[in-house]
Amino acid sequence: MSTFLIQNARILGGEPRDILVRDGRIAEVGTGLAAEGAQVVDAAGLIALPGLVDLHTHLREPGREDNETVLTGTRAAAKGGFTAVHAMANTTPVADTAGVVEQVWRLGREHGYCDVHPVGAVTEGIAGKKLAELGAMADSAANVRVFSDDGHCVDDAVIMRRALEYVKAFDGVVAQHAQEPRLTEGAQMNEGEVSDRLGLRGWPAVAEEAIIARDCLLAGHVGSRLHICHVSTAGSVELIRWAKGKGWNVTAEVTPHHLFLTDACCERSPAGRSYDPLYKVNPPLRTQADVDAVRAGLADGTIDCVATDHAPHAVEDKETEWADAAMGMIGLETALPVVQAAMVDTGLLDWAQVADRMSVRPAGIGRLEGQGRPLEPGSPANITLYDPEYRAQVDASSFASKSRNTPYTGLELPGRVVATFLRGRPTVLEGKLV
C-alpha cells in the first residue's frame, strides 16, 4: 500500500493537523509531519471526517441494473464521501436468502469503492407473511446484522414481534419502514393544505406515527433493537424521544431531503414547476414544521443519524404523470452538502456532530468494525476530506450514479468532497474518482 501524508487538515473542524497514512491505517497525527516517499495531499482549508456510513442505500442490483448497479452506486458513494453503505433488500430477487446477500456483498468487494453491507429482508419476498432466513443471512459471509422490508412496512404486529425476538440471538436490528398501509392506500403526497390545493390524495402523518408507536412498544416488551427508517414527522420525533426516555433500544434516521425540502416543492419547485415527480418520495416531503422538528431531533440526538435513502430510477419512471411516477430520489453525492446547508450553516450541528451522525452512530447501529472510528493513530484510514467553502450549482450530468433523479439540479449547494480514503487507499482525489 502507498503512504499518504495529508497536510493541514482540520480534523472535525479543529485546528490544522497532518495525518500520516501507512499500510491502510493512520500511523501518526500531528503538525509538521514528514515521511520519505509519501504522496502528499494538500488539505489546507479542508475538514477531515471519518469515512461516512450510510444505513440506507438502494443499489438495485440484482434485478434493476438499468437504474443502478453495485459498481455505479458505490462509485457515487465514494464521491459523496462514504466508505460504507448498507444495500437495501428490495431487489429482484429480494435479498431474503444467504445466497442473494452474499452475491451483493461479493460485488462490493470486487469493485472496491466502498464497503457494501447487505440488508436482509425481514419477510420472504418482503411480502409480510413469513419470516425470511434471518439466521442464515446472519451466519453468511455477508454477516448481515440489519434487516428491513424497506419499501414495505412489516404491518403484522405478530410477525414484527417474532422478528424482533429472532434477531436478539445475533445482536441484529430490525429497521422498520413505518407506513400503515391501510391509511396510505393510493396516497400521493403529504396530507395537508398543499395536497388539498393540488387535488392529490393525502398521506397522513399518523400513518407513520402509529407504526412507530406500536413498534417502540414491541421493542421495549421483547428487549430487542429497533431502528426507524426515514423519520419525517414532528410526531414521530416525539414518539422516538419518549421511547428513548423509557430506556428502550430504539434508534432512528432522517434523510437529507427531509431535513431540507418541504411539501411546498410539490406545488412549486425551486425551478418553478408544479407536480414535478422529482419531489415524489416515500415517506412524502412534509411541512416546514415537520422539517424544523426533524432538524431539532437530529441536533439533540433523538434522531441518531442521517441516511440517504438513495433511490435511483430510470428517466421514464420519473418523467411521467405524478400518479404514475416512481417514488424516491438519489442522494449519495449530495448528502454532505445538504446536511451542511440544513444543519451546519444554520448552527444546529458542528463538524464533530456531523461525524457522529453520519459516521460514528450509523456504524454502531450496523455493528461495523473499522468504520466510524476516530481519526487517530491505529484506526483504519477511512477518511473523508471536505471543502465547506466551495459553492456551485448541482450538475447531475457529473454524477457517478447511473440515475439522475435529483431535485437539486441547478440549485447552489455548499461544499464538496475533495478526497475519500478507504483503508488508506484513495477512491476519490481532487474530487474525482481514482
Protein backbone atom coordinates (compact mmCIF):
# COMPACT_ATOMS: atom_id res chain seq x y z
CA MET A 1 0.00 0.00 0.00
CA SER A 2 1.08 3.58 -0.67
CA THR A 3 1.89 6.03 2.08
CA PHE A 4 -0.02 9.31 2.13
CA LEU A 5 0.72 12.46 4.08
CA ILE A 6 -2.41 14.57 4.43
CA GLN A 7 -1.23 18.05 5.38
CA ASN A 8 -3.12 20.76 7.29
CA ALA A 9 -6.48 19.05 7.51
CA ARG A 10 -8.93 20.37 10.09
CA ILE A 11 -9.94 17.17 11.91
CA LEU A 12 -13.63 17.52 12.84
CA GLY A 13 -13.30 21.23 12.10
CA GLY A 14 -10.47 21.81 14.59
CA GLU A 15 -7.02 23.30 14.13
CA PRO A 16 -4.94 22.16 11.12
CA ARG A 17 -3.14 18.86 11.66
CA ASP A 18 -1.22 16.41 9.48
CA ILE A 19 -2.37 12.81 9.09
CA LEU A 20 0.14 10.16 8.06
CA VAL A 21 -1.47 7.12 6.45
CA ARG A 22 0.57 3.94 6.10
CA ASP A 23 -0.42 0.31 5.43
CA GLY A 24 -4.11 1.13 5.49
CA ARG A 25 -4.09 2.75 8.90
CA ILE A 26 -3.48 6.14 10.44
CA ALA A 27 0.13 5.98 11.57
CA GLU A 28 0.50 9.43 13.10
CA VAL A 29 -1.38 12.67 13.66
CA GLY A 30 0.43 15.92 14.41
CA THR A 31 1.96 19.06 12.96
CA GLY A 32 4.95 19.34 10.67
CA LEU A 33 4.98 15.60 9.91
CA ALA A 34 7.27 14.20 7.22
CA ALA A 35 7.60 10.79 5.62
CA GLU A 36 10.07 9.85 2.91
CA GLY A 37 8.36 8.70 -0.26
CA ALA A 38 4.87 9.63 0.92
CA GLN A 39 2.35 11.06 -1.51
CA VAL A 40 1.40 14.47 -0.18
CA VAL A 41 -2.23 15.58 -0.13
CA ASP A 42 -2.69 19.31 0.47
CA ALA A 43 -5.73 19.56 2.73
CA ALA A 44 -5.43 23.23 3.70
CA GLY A 45 -8.91 24.53 4.48
CA LEU A 46 -10.47 21.06 4.30
CA ILE A 47 -12.45 19.32 7.04
CA ALA A 48 -11.29 15.76 7.83
CA LEU A 49 -14.10 13.40 8.85
CA PRO A 50 -14.15 9.67 9.46
CA GLY A 51 -15.46 7.98 6.31
CA LEU A 52 -19.22 8.38 6.09
CA VAL A 53 -21.53 5.39 6.64
CA ASP A 54 -24.97 5.12 5.03
CA LEU A 55 -27.54 2.85 6.66
CA HIS A 56 -30.00 3.12 3.78
CA THR A 57 -28.90 2.79 0.13
CA HIS A 58 -30.70 1.25 -2.82
CA LEU A 59 -28.15 -0.24 -5.21
CA ARG A 60 -30.84 -2.00 -7.30
CA GLU A 61 -28.63 -4.99 -8.17
CA PRO A 62 -29.73 -7.71 -8.78
CA GLY A 63 -32.72 -7.03 -10.99
CA ARG A 64 -32.82 -3.32 -11.86
CA GLU A 65 -29.37 -2.72 -13.27
CA ASP A 66 -30.95 -0.14 -15.61
CA ASN A 67 -31.37 2.11 -12.55
CA GLU A 68 -28.15 1.42 -10.65
CA THR A 69 -25.57 -1.29 -10.06
CA VAL A 70 -23.32 -2.08 -7.15
CA LEU A 71 -20.47 -0.56 -9.19
CA THR A 72 -22.17 2.71 -10.10
CA GLY A 73 -23.78 3.05 -6.68
CA THR A 74 -20.55 2.57 -4.79
CA ARG A 75 -18.75 4.98 -7.11
CA ALA A 76 -21.45 7.52 -6.25
CA ALA A 77 -20.98 6.69 -2.57
CA ALA A 78 -17.22 7.29 -2.77
CA LYS A 79 -17.79 10.66 -4.48
CA GLY A 80 -20.14 11.53 -1.64
CA GLY A 81 -17.50 10.72 0.99
CA PHE A 82 -18.90 7.34 2.03
CA THR A 83 -16.70 4.38 2.91
CA ALA A 84 -19.56 2.01 3.78
CA VAL A 85 -23.16 1.62 2.64
CA HIS A 86 -25.98 -0.73 3.58
CA ALA A 87 -27.68 -2.11 0.47
CA MET A 88 -31.43 -2.46 0.96
CA ALA A 89 -33.17 -5.76 0.31
CA ASN A 90 -35.90 -4.79 -2.17
CA THR A 91 -34.06 -6.10 -5.21
CA THR A 92 -35.15 -8.70 -7.77
CA PRO A 93 -34.83 -11.33 -6.44
CA VAL A 94 -35.33 -10.00 -2.94
CA ALA A 95 -32.33 -10.29 -0.61
CA ASP A 96 -34.09 -12.76 1.66
CA THR A 97 -31.60 -15.66 1.48
CA ALA A 98 -27.93 -16.15 2.24
CA GLY A 99 -27.23 -16.62 -1.47
CA VAL A 100 -28.53 -13.22 -2.54
CA VAL A 101 -26.90 -11.22 0.27
CA GLU A 102 -23.58 -12.94 -0.41
CA GLN A 103 -23.87 -12.04 -4.09
CA VAL A 104 -24.30 -8.34 -3.27
CA TRP A 105 -21.53 -8.44 -0.66
CA ARG A 106 -19.09 -10.03 -3.10
CA LEU A 107 -19.87 -7.49 -5.81
CA GLY A 108 -19.00 -4.74 -3.35
CA ARG A 109 -15.71 -6.41 -2.51
CA GLU A 110 -14.84 -6.87 -6.17
CA HIS A 111 -15.43 -3.23 -7.09
CA GLY A 112 -13.69 -1.80 -4.02
CA TYR A 113 -15.06 1.74 -3.94
CA CYS A 114 -16.65 1.33 -0.51
CA ASP A 115 -17.73 -1.46 1.81
CA VAL A 116 -21.14 -2.90 0.93
CA HIS A 117 -23.16 -4.42 3.77
CA PRO A 118 -26.34 -6.09 2.52
CA VAL A 119 -29.55 -5.56 4.45
CA GLY A 120 -31.57 -8.76 4.72
CA ALA A 121 -35.33 -8.83 4.20
CA VAL A 122 -37.42 -9.39 7.31
CA THR A 123 -40.00 -11.47 5.47
CA GLU A 124 -39.88 -13.73 2.43
CA GLY A 125 -40.22 -11.67 -0.72
CA ILE A 126 -40.84 -8.62 1.51
CA ALA A 127 -44.45 -9.81 1.40
CA GLY A 128 -45.00 -9.50 5.15
CA LYS A 129 -46.34 -13.03 5.58
CA LYS A 130 -43.48 -15.27 6.74
CA LEU A 131 -40.09 -14.56 8.31
CA ALA A 132 -37.15 -14.80 5.91
CA GLU A 133 -33.98 -16.80 6.64
CA LEU A 134 -32.70 -14.29 9.19
CA GLY A 135 -30.29 -16.66 10.92
CA ALA A 136 -28.84 -17.97 7.66
CA MET A 137 -28.20 -14.41 6.43
CA ALA A 138 -26.60 -13.50 9.76
CA ASP A 139 -24.31 -16.55 9.53
CA SER A 140 -23.44 -15.97 5.86
CA ALA A 141 -20.24 -14.45 4.53
CA ALA A 142 -22.14 -11.14 4.34
CA ASN A 143 -22.57 -11.19 8.16
CA VAL A 144 -25.94 -9.43 7.95
CA ARG A 145 -26.97 -7.53 11.07
CA VAL A 146 -29.60 -5.13 9.70
CA PHE A 147 -32.95 -6.47 8.45
CA SER A 148 -35.65 -4.47 6.70
CA ASP A 149 -38.56 -4.82 4.29
CA ASP A 150 -37.94 -1.20 3.28
CA GLY A 151 -40.38 -0.06 0.66
CA HIS A 152 -42.95 -2.06 2.57
CA CYS A 153 -43.96 -1.93 6.21
CA VAL A 154 -43.94 -5.04 8.40
CA ASP A 155 -47.51 -4.20 9.33
CA ASP A 156 -48.39 -7.51 11.04
CA ALA A 157 -47.67 -7.00 14.73
CA VAL A 158 -47.14 -10.71 15.37
CA ILE A 159 -44.54 -11.05 12.61
CA MET A 160 -42.82 -7.87 13.76
CA ARG A 161 -42.63 -9.21 17.30
CA ARG A 162 -41.19 -12.50 16.08
CA ALA A 163 -38.57 -10.69 14.00
CA LEU A 164 -37.51 -8.57 16.96
CA GLU A 165 -37.23 -11.67 19.12
CA TYR A 166 -35.29 -13.61 16.48
CA VAL A 167 -32.57 -11.01 15.84
CA LYS A 168 -31.69 -10.82 19.53
CA ALA A 169 -29.74 -14.09 19.16
CA PHE A 170 -27.08 -12.42 17.00
CA ASP A 171 -27.40 -8.77 18.06
CA GLY A 172 -29.28 -7.82 14.91
CA VAL A 173 -31.62 -4.91 14.39
CA VAL A 174 -34.95 -4.64 12.58
CA ALA A 175 -35.20 -1.44 10.54
CA GLN A 176 -38.85 -0.57 10.06
CA HIS A 177 -40.37 1.32 7.13
CA ALA A 178 -43.12 2.91 9.20
CA GLN A 179 -46.19 3.14 7.00
CA GLU A 180 -49.62 1.83 7.94
CA PRO A 181 -50.74 0.55 4.51
CA ARG A 182 -54.45 1.00 5.06
CA LEU A 183 -54.00 4.67 5.88
CA THR A 184 -51.87 5.32 2.79
CA GLU A 185 -53.66 3.37 0.08
CA GLY A 186 -53.45 5.47 -3.08
CA ALA A 187 -51.69 8.31 -1.21
CA GLN A 188 -49.58 10.61 -3.35
CA MET A 189 -48.09 13.26 -1.05
CA ASN A 190 -48.29 14.67 2.46
CA GLU A 191 -51.83 15.20 3.69
CA GLY A 192 -52.41 18.89 4.27
CA GLU A 193 -53.13 22.21 2.67
CA VAL A 194 -50.86 21.61 -0.33
CA SER A 195 -52.38 18.22 -1.16
CA ASP A 196 -55.84 19.81 -0.96
CA ARG A 197 -54.86 22.56 -3.40
CA LEU A 198 -53.21 20.12 -5.80
CA GLY A 199 -56.05 17.62 -5.62
CA LEU A 200 -53.73 14.74 -4.68
CA ARG A 201 -54.69 12.08 -2.16
CA GLY A 202 -53.00 12.83 1.16
CA TRP A 203 -50.56 10.70 3.14
CA PRO A 204 -51.29 11.42 6.81
CA ALA A 205 -48.53 11.79 9.38
CA VAL A 206 -50.39 9.38 11.64
CA ALA A 207 -49.73 6.54 9.18
CA GLU A 208 -46.05 6.78 10.12
CA GLU A 209 -46.56 7.60 13.76
CA ALA A 210 -48.95 4.74 14.50
CA ILE A 211 -46.42 2.12 13.37
CA ILE A 212 -43.59 3.80 15.27
CA ALA A 213 -45.64 3.85 18.48
CA ARG A 214 -46.56 0.17 18.12
CA ASP A 215 -43.05 -0.97 17.30
CA CYS A 216 -41.42 1.02 20.09
CA LEU A 217 -43.77 -0.75 22.49
CA LEU A 218 -42.90 -4.12 20.93
CA ALA A 219 -39.16 -3.44 21.12
CA GLY A 220 -39.48 -2.46 24.76
CA HIS A 221 -41.54 -5.55 25.50
CA VAL A 222 -39.10 -8.05 23.96
CA GLY A 223 -35.90 -6.12 24.75
CA SER A 224 -34.67 -6.02 21.18
CA ARG A 225 -33.09 -3.45 18.86
CA LEU A 226 -35.43 -1.40 16.65
CA HIS A 227 -34.37 1.13 14.05
CA ILE A 228 -36.84 3.55 12.45
CA CYS A 229 -36.14 4.38 8.81
CA HIS A 230 -36.56 7.85 7.25
CA VAL A 231 -38.36 9.70 10.06
CA SER A 232 -40.38 12.54 8.56
CA THR A 233 -42.90 13.97 11.05
CA ALA A 234 -42.82 16.00 14.24
CA GLY A 235 -44.98 13.42 15.94
CA SER A 236 -42.53 10.66 15.06
CA VAL A 237 -39.71 12.60 16.70
CA GLU A 238 -41.74 12.93 19.90
CA LEU A 239 -42.55 9.21 19.94
CA ILE A 240 -38.89 8.26 19.48
CA ARG A 241 -37.88 10.72 22.21
CA TRP A 242 -40.45 9.10 24.52
CA ALA A 243 -39.20 5.58 23.72
CA LYS A 244 -35.61 6.53 24.39
CA GLY A 245 -36.70 8.10 27.65
CA LYS A 246 -38.02 4.67 28.62
CA GLY A 247 -34.57 3.22 28.06
CA TRP A 248 -35.67 1.11 25.10
CA ASN A 249 -33.13 0.27 22.41
CA VAL A 250 -34.64 2.38 19.64
CA THR A 251 -32.64 4.28 17.03
CA ALA A 252 -33.75 6.39 14.08
CA GLU A 253 -32.56 8.02 10.89
CA VAL A 254 -33.58 11.04 8.82
CA THR A 255 -32.82 11.64 5.15
CA PRO A 256 -31.11 14.77 3.83
CA HIS A 257 -34.20 15.63 1.78
CA HIS A 258 -36.49 15.50 4.81
CA LEU A 259 -34.10 17.92 6.50
CA PHE A 260 -34.15 20.33 3.57
CA LEU A 261 -37.29 20.14 1.42
CA THR A 262 -40.99 20.58 2.18
CA ASP A 263 -44.27 19.61 0.53
CA ALA A 264 -44.41 23.12 -0.89
CA CYS A 265 -41.91 21.90 -3.51
CA CYS A 266 -44.67 19.70 -4.96
CA GLU A 267 -46.75 22.80 -5.65
CA ARG A 268 -43.90 24.98 -6.84
CA SER A 269 -40.36 23.63 -7.09
CA PRO A 270 -37.27 25.88 -6.96
CA ALA A 271 -37.33 25.66 -10.77
CA GLY A 272 -40.91 26.94 -10.78
CA ARG A 273 -42.59 23.66 -11.73
CA SER A 274 -45.70 22.09 -10.22
CA TYR A 275 -46.44 18.36 -9.93
CA ASP A 276 -42.73 17.58 -10.51
CA PRO A 277 -42.27 13.85 -9.75
CA LEU A 278 -38.67 14.51 -8.67
CA TYR A 279 -40.26 15.52 -5.36
CA LYS A 280 -42.36 12.37 -5.04
CA VAL A 281 -40.79 10.27 -2.30
CA ASN A 282 -41.73 7.72 0.37
CA PRO A 283 -42.34 8.92 3.02
CA PRO A 284 -43.50 12.16 1.41
CA LEU A 285 -41.98 15.56 1.91
CA ARG A 286 -43.72 17.14 4.89
CA THR A 287 -44.43 20.65 6.21
CA GLN A 288 -41.94 23.23 7.38
CA ALA A 289 -42.96 22.48 10.96
CA ASP A 290 -42.01 18.83 10.41
CA VAL A 291 -38.68 19.84 8.87
CA ASP A 292 -37.96 22.04 11.88
CA ALA A 293 -38.81 19.14 14.22
CA VAL A 294 -36.61 16.56 12.50
CA ARG A 295 -33.75 19.07 12.41
CA ALA A 296 -34.15 19.63 16.14
CA GLY A 297 -34.37 15.87 16.71
CA LEU A 298 -31.14 15.26 14.82
CA ALA A 299 -29.45 18.11 16.69
CA ASP A 300 -30.39 16.84 20.16
CA GLY A 301 -29.65 13.19 19.34
CA THR A 302 -33.23 11.90 19.38
CA ILE A 303 -32.66 11.01 15.74
CA ASP A 304 -29.37 9.15 15.67
CA CYS A 305 -28.15 9.55 12.14
CA VAL A 306 -28.55 10.77 8.60
CA ALA A 307 -29.24 8.10 5.97
CA THR A 308 -29.60 8.94 2.30
CA ASP A 309 -32.36 6.55 1.15
CA HIS A 310 -30.56 6.85 -2.21
CA ALA A 311 -33.27 5.64 -4.60
CA PRO A 312 -32.20 5.68 -8.26
CA HIS A 313 -34.82 5.45 -11.00
CA ALA A 314 -34.68 5.39 -14.78
CA VAL A 315 -35.76 8.56 -16.62
CA GLU A 316 -39.00 7.02 -17.86
CA ASP A 317 -40.02 6.12 -14.29
CA LYS A 318 -39.81 9.77 -13.20
CA GLU A 319 -40.62 11.84 -16.28
CA THR A 320 -44.27 10.85 -16.31
CA GLU A 321 -47.56 11.82 -14.70
CA TRP A 322 -47.30 12.32 -10.94
CA ALA A 323 -49.65 9.44 -10.11
CA ASP A 324 -47.65 7.00 -12.26
CA ALA A 325 -44.17 8.14 -11.23
CA ALA A 326 -41.90 6.06 -9.02
CA MET A 327 -41.15 7.30 -5.52
CA GLY A 328 -37.63 8.25 -4.49
CA MET A 329 -34.61 10.42 -5.26
CA ILE A 330 -30.87 9.87 -5.38
CA GLY A 331 -28.80 11.32 -2.58
CA LEU A 332 -25.34 9.84 -2.08
CA GLU A 333 -23.46 12.58 -3.92
CA THR A 334 -25.38 15.49 -2.36
CA ALA A 335 -25.84 14.21 1.20
CA LEU A 336 -23.00 16.08 2.88
CA PRO A 337 -23.67 19.42 1.12
CA VAL A 338 -27.38 19.20 2.03
CA VAL A 339 -26.53 18.40 5.65
CA GLN A 340 -24.13 21.34 5.69
CA ALA A 341 -26.86 23.65 4.38
CA ALA A 342 -29.58 22.33 6.69
CA MET A 343 -27.63 21.68 9.89
CA VAL A 344 -24.14 23.23 9.92
CA ASP A 345 -24.72 26.58 8.24
CA THR A 346 -27.81 27.02 10.42
CA GLY A 347 -25.77 26.44 13.61
CA LEU A 348 -27.59 23.25 14.61
CA LEU A 349 -24.57 20.94 14.29
CA ASP A 350 -20.82 21.40 14.30
CA TRP A 351 -18.48 19.19 12.27
CA ALA A 352 -17.78 16.84 15.18
CA GLN A 353 -21.52 16.26 15.47
CA VAL A 354 -21.79 15.71 11.71
CA ALA A 355 -19.14 13.00 12.07
CA ASP A 356 -21.16 11.48 14.89
CA ARG A 357 -24.45 11.48 12.94
CA MET A 358 -23.02 10.41 9.57
CA SER A 359 -20.25 8.00 10.58
CA VAL A 360 -19.98 7.02 14.24
CA ARG A 361 -23.61 6.29 15.06
CA PRO A 362 -24.60 4.56 11.80
CA ALA A 363 -21.51 2.35 12.07
CA GLY A 364 -22.55 1.42 15.60
CA ILE A 365 -26.14 0.64 14.60
CA GLY A 366 -24.89 -1.58 11.77
CA ARG A 367 -22.28 -3.18 14.05
CA LEU A 368 -19.49 -2.32 11.59
CA GLU A 369 -15.96 -2.85 12.81
CA GLY A 370 -13.40 -0.47 11.38
CA GLN A 371 -15.92 2.19 10.35
CA GLY A 372 -16.83 5.30 12.31
CA ARG A 373 -13.53 5.21 14.16
CA PRO A 374 -11.74 8.33 15.48
CA LEU A 375 -9.09 9.84 13.23
CA GLU A 376 -6.23 8.84 15.49
CA PRO A 377 -3.17 6.57 15.28
CA GLY A 378 -4.09 2.92 14.89
CA SER A 379 -7.51 3.48 13.34
CA PRO A 380 -8.27 2.21 9.83
CA ALA A 381 -7.64 5.07 7.42
CA ASN A 382 -11.25 5.62 6.38
CA ILE A 383 -11.15 9.37 5.80
CA THR A 384 -13.26 11.99 4.03
CA LEU A 385 -11.76 15.38 3.14
CA TYR A 386 -14.39 18.04 2.57
CA ASP A 387 -14.26 21.67 1.42
CA PRO A 388 -17.05 23.57 3.23
CA GLU A 389 -16.29 26.85 1.44
CA TYR A 390 -16.93 25.53 -2.06
CA ARG A 391 -20.11 26.76 -3.76
CA ALA A 392 -21.55 25.54 -7.03
CA GLN A 393 -24.80 24.68 -8.74
CA VAL A 394 -25.64 21.00 -8.72
CA ASP A 395 -24.96 19.38 -12.10
CA ALA A 396 -26.45 15.89 -12.25
CA SER A 397 -24.61 15.14 -15.51
CA SER A 398 -21.41 14.91 -13.47
CA PHE A 399 -22.79 12.30 -11.07
CA ALA A 400 -21.32 8.82 -10.85
CA SER A 401 -24.76 7.35 -10.19
CA LYS A 402 -26.45 5.72 -13.15
CA SER A 403 -29.63 7.70 -12.47
CA ARG A 404 -30.29 11.44 -12.48
CA ASN A 405 -33.42 11.79 -10.35
CA THR A 406 -32.15 14.52 -8.04
CA PRO A 407 -34.29 17.51 -7.02
CA TYR A 408 -31.21 19.70 -6.61
CA THR A 409 -30.21 20.22 -10.26
CA GLY A 410 -29.40 23.91 -10.78
CA LEU A 411 -29.59 24.66 -7.06
CA GLU A 412 -26.49 26.11 -5.40
CA LEU A 413 -25.34 23.95 -2.50
CA PRO A 414 -22.33 24.44 -0.24
CA GLY A 415 -19.30 22.21 -0.06
CA ARG A 416 -17.84 19.29 -1.95
CA VAL A 417 -15.97 16.08 -1.17
CA VAL A 418 -12.37 16.51 -2.27
CA ALA A 419 -10.97 13.11 -1.26
CA THR A 420 -12.14 9.79 0.15
CA PHE A 421 -9.82 7.12 1.54
CA LEU A 422 -10.93 3.53 2.11
CA ARG A 423 -8.48 1.80 4.45
CA GLY A 424 -5.70 4.02 3.22
CA ARG A 425 -6.46 3.68 -0.48
CA PRO A 426 -7.86 6.75 -2.23
CA THR A 427 -11.15 6.22 -4.06
CA VAL A 428 -11.51 9.93 -4.74
CA LEU A 429 -8.78 12.55 -5.13
CA GLU A 430 -9.27 16.19 -6.14
CA GLY A 431 -12.98 15.50 -6.37
CA LYS A 432 -12.56 12.79 -9.00
CA LEU A 433 -12.82 9.01 -8.80
CA VAL A 434 -9.49 7.21 -8.75
